Amino acid sequence: MAGLSLDDFFAKFKQLLHEAGVPLDDKGTIETLKHAMAKGLTSAIINSPTFDPTAEVPWTFKQWEEQACKSHLKWKAAAKFTQTCQGLFQAFKLSPKQTHGRNNNQGRNSNWGNNNYG
C-alpha cells in the first residue's frame, strides 16, 4: 500500500478486511498490519513507551492505528525540524559539522560532567 497517506492506508486496510470478513483484532490481522506498514513506523510503534510485547492482552487494531498516527506525527515534526535546520545551515553556507577551527571545548567548563561539587 505504498504511496498512500496513513489515513488512506488504514481506510483501505480496513475495507479489505471487511470485504474478506476478517475481524480487525484477529492475531493474524495484527501481524499482517505490522508487515504492511512501513518498517520504520512499525519499529516506532514497537519502541513506543506504551507498547508492551509481554502484555497478557495484545494490542487491538485500534491501539495499533492510534499509535501509528501518533508516531507518524512525531516523525513529521522531526522531519520538519530537520528541514528547518538544514535550511539554516544552507542559508549561512555552513555544514552541520563545521566548527570554523574552534576547539569543541572552547567556552565550556573543562570540568563539566564531573561531580566534584565540594
Protein backbone atom coordinates (compact mmCIF):
# COMPACT_ATOMS: atom_id res chain seq x y z
CA MET A 1 0.00 0.00 0.00
CA ALA A 2 2.92 2.24 -0.74
CA GLY A 3 2.15 5.77 -1.78
CA LEU A 4 -0.98 6.12 0.36
CA SER A 5 -1.35 8.61 3.18
CA LEU A 6 -1.59 6.97 6.59
CA ASP A 7 -5.33 7.70 6.78
CA ASP A 8 -5.86 6.21 3.32
CA PHE A 9 -3.71 3.21 4.24
CA PHE A 10 -5.85 2.41 7.29
CA ALA A 11 -9.10 3.04 5.42
CA LYS A 12 -8.06 0.67 2.60
CA PHE A 13 -6.72 -1.92 5.03
CA LYS A 14 -10.00 -1.93 7.00
CA GLN A 15 -12.02 -2.07 3.77
CA LEU A 16 -10.10 -5.14 2.61
CA LEU A 17 -10.56 -6.82 6.00
CA HIS A 18 -14.29 -6.10 5.90
CA GLU A 19 -14.63 -7.46 2.36
CA ALA A 20 -12.75 -10.61 3.38
CA GLY A 21 -14.80 -11.00 6.57
CA VAL A 22 -11.69 -10.92 8.74
CA PRO A 23 -12.01 -9.44 12.25
CA LEU A 24 -9.90 -6.35 13.00
CA ASP A 25 -8.47 -7.73 16.24
CA ASP A 26 -7.57 -11.16 14.90
CA LYS A 27 -3.97 -12.10 15.70
CA GLY A 28 -3.27 -12.68 12.01
CA THR A 29 -4.72 -9.28 11.16
CA ILE A 30 -2.38 -7.54 13.59
CA GLU A 31 0.62 -9.48 12.24
CA THR A 32 -0.37 -8.57 8.67
CA LEU A 33 -0.76 -4.93 9.72
CA LYS A 34 2.73 -4.88 11.24
CA HIS A 35 4.20 -6.13 7.96
CA ALA A 36 2.02 -3.92 5.74
CA MET A 37 3.08 -0.68 7.42
CA ALA A 38 6.42 0.95 6.66
CA LYS A 39 9.19 -0.81 8.57
CA GLY A 40 10.20 2.41 10.36
CA LEU A 41 6.64 3.07 11.50
CA THR A 42 6.22 -0.46 12.87
CA SER A 43 9.54 -0.10 14.69
CA ALA A 44 8.50 3.27 16.13
CA ILE A 45 5.28 1.73 17.46
CA ILE A 46 7.08 -1.24 18.99
CA ASN A 47 9.63 1.12 20.57
CA SER A 48 6.94 3.45 21.95
CA PRO A 49 6.77 3.61 25.75
CA THR A 50 3.18 2.34 25.81
CA PHE A 51 3.81 -0.85 23.83
CA ASP A 52 4.37 -3.95 25.97
CA PRO A 53 5.10 -7.12 23.98
CA THR A 54 4.71 -9.20 27.15
CA ALA A 55 1.21 -7.97 27.97
CA GLU A 56 -1.34 -10.72 28.55
CA VAL A 57 -3.85 -8.94 26.33
CA PRO A 58 -2.30 -7.97 22.98
CA TRP A 59 -2.98 -4.57 21.49
CA THR A 60 -6.16 -4.14 19.50
CA PHE A 61 -6.24 -2.92 15.93
CA LYS A 62 -7.47 0.44 17.21
CA GLN A 63 -4.47 0.74 19.55
CA TRP A 64 -2.11 -0.02 16.66
CA GLU A 65 -3.87 2.54 14.47
CA GLU A 66 -3.81 5.25 17.16
CA GLN A 67 -0.14 4.68 17.96
CA ALA A 68 0.71 4.67 14.25
CA CYS A 69 -0.90 8.11 13.91
CA LYS A 70 0.98 9.44 16.97
CA SER A 71 4.29 8.00 15.76
CA HIS A 72 3.72 9.40 12.28
CA LEU A 73 3.03 12.87 13.70
CA LYS A 74 6.26 12.68 15.72
CA TRP A 75 8.15 11.65 12.59
CA LYS A 76 6.64 14.57 10.64
CA ALA A 77 7.59 17.02 13.41
CA ALA A 78 11.16 15.69 13.46
CA ALA A 79 11.36 15.86 9.67
CA LYS A 80 10.15 19.46 9.69
CA PHE A 81 12.71 20.36 12.36
CA THR A 82 15.48 18.67 10.36
CA GLN A 83 14.44 20.52 7.21
CA THR A 84 14.44 23.83 9.11
CA CYS A 85 17.91 23.15 10.48
CA GLN A 86 19.20 22.18 7.05
CA GLY A 87 17.71 25.38 5.64
CA LEU A 88 19.52 27.46 8.26
CA PHE A 89 22.82 25.74 7.54
CA GLN A 90 22.32 26.36 3.81
CA ALA A 91 21.35 29.99 4.40
CA PHE A 92 24.60 30.59 6.29
CA LYS A 93 26.58 28.35 3.94
CA LEU A 94 27.66 26.05 6.76
CA SER A 95 27.68 22.33 7.22
CA PRO A 96 26.34 20.82 10.46
CA LYS A 97 29.83 19.58 11.43
CA GLN A 98 31.70 22.78 10.57
CA THR A 99 33.41 24.32 13.62
CA HIS A 100 35.45 27.10 11.93
CA GLY A 101 38.64 25.88 13.56
CA ARG A 102 37.38 26.28 17.10
CA ASN A 103 38.14 23.67 19.69
CA ASN A 104 34.91 21.87 20.59
CA ASN A 105 35.57 22.54 24.29
CA GLN A 106 36.09 26.28 23.81
CA GLY A 107 33.84 28.24 26.12
CA ARG A 108 32.96 25.20 28.19
CA ASN A 109 33.98 24.44 31.72
CA SER A 110 36.67 21.79 31.42
CA ASN A 111 35.25 20.05 34.49
CA TRP A 112 31.76 19.87 33.04
CA GLY A 113 30.28 16.50 33.86
CA ASN A 114 32.49 15.90 36.85
CA ASN A 115 30.62 15.50 40.09
CA ASN A 116 33.15 17.44 42.19
CA TYR A 117 30.82 19.90 43.86
CA GLY A 118 32.57 20.05 47.19
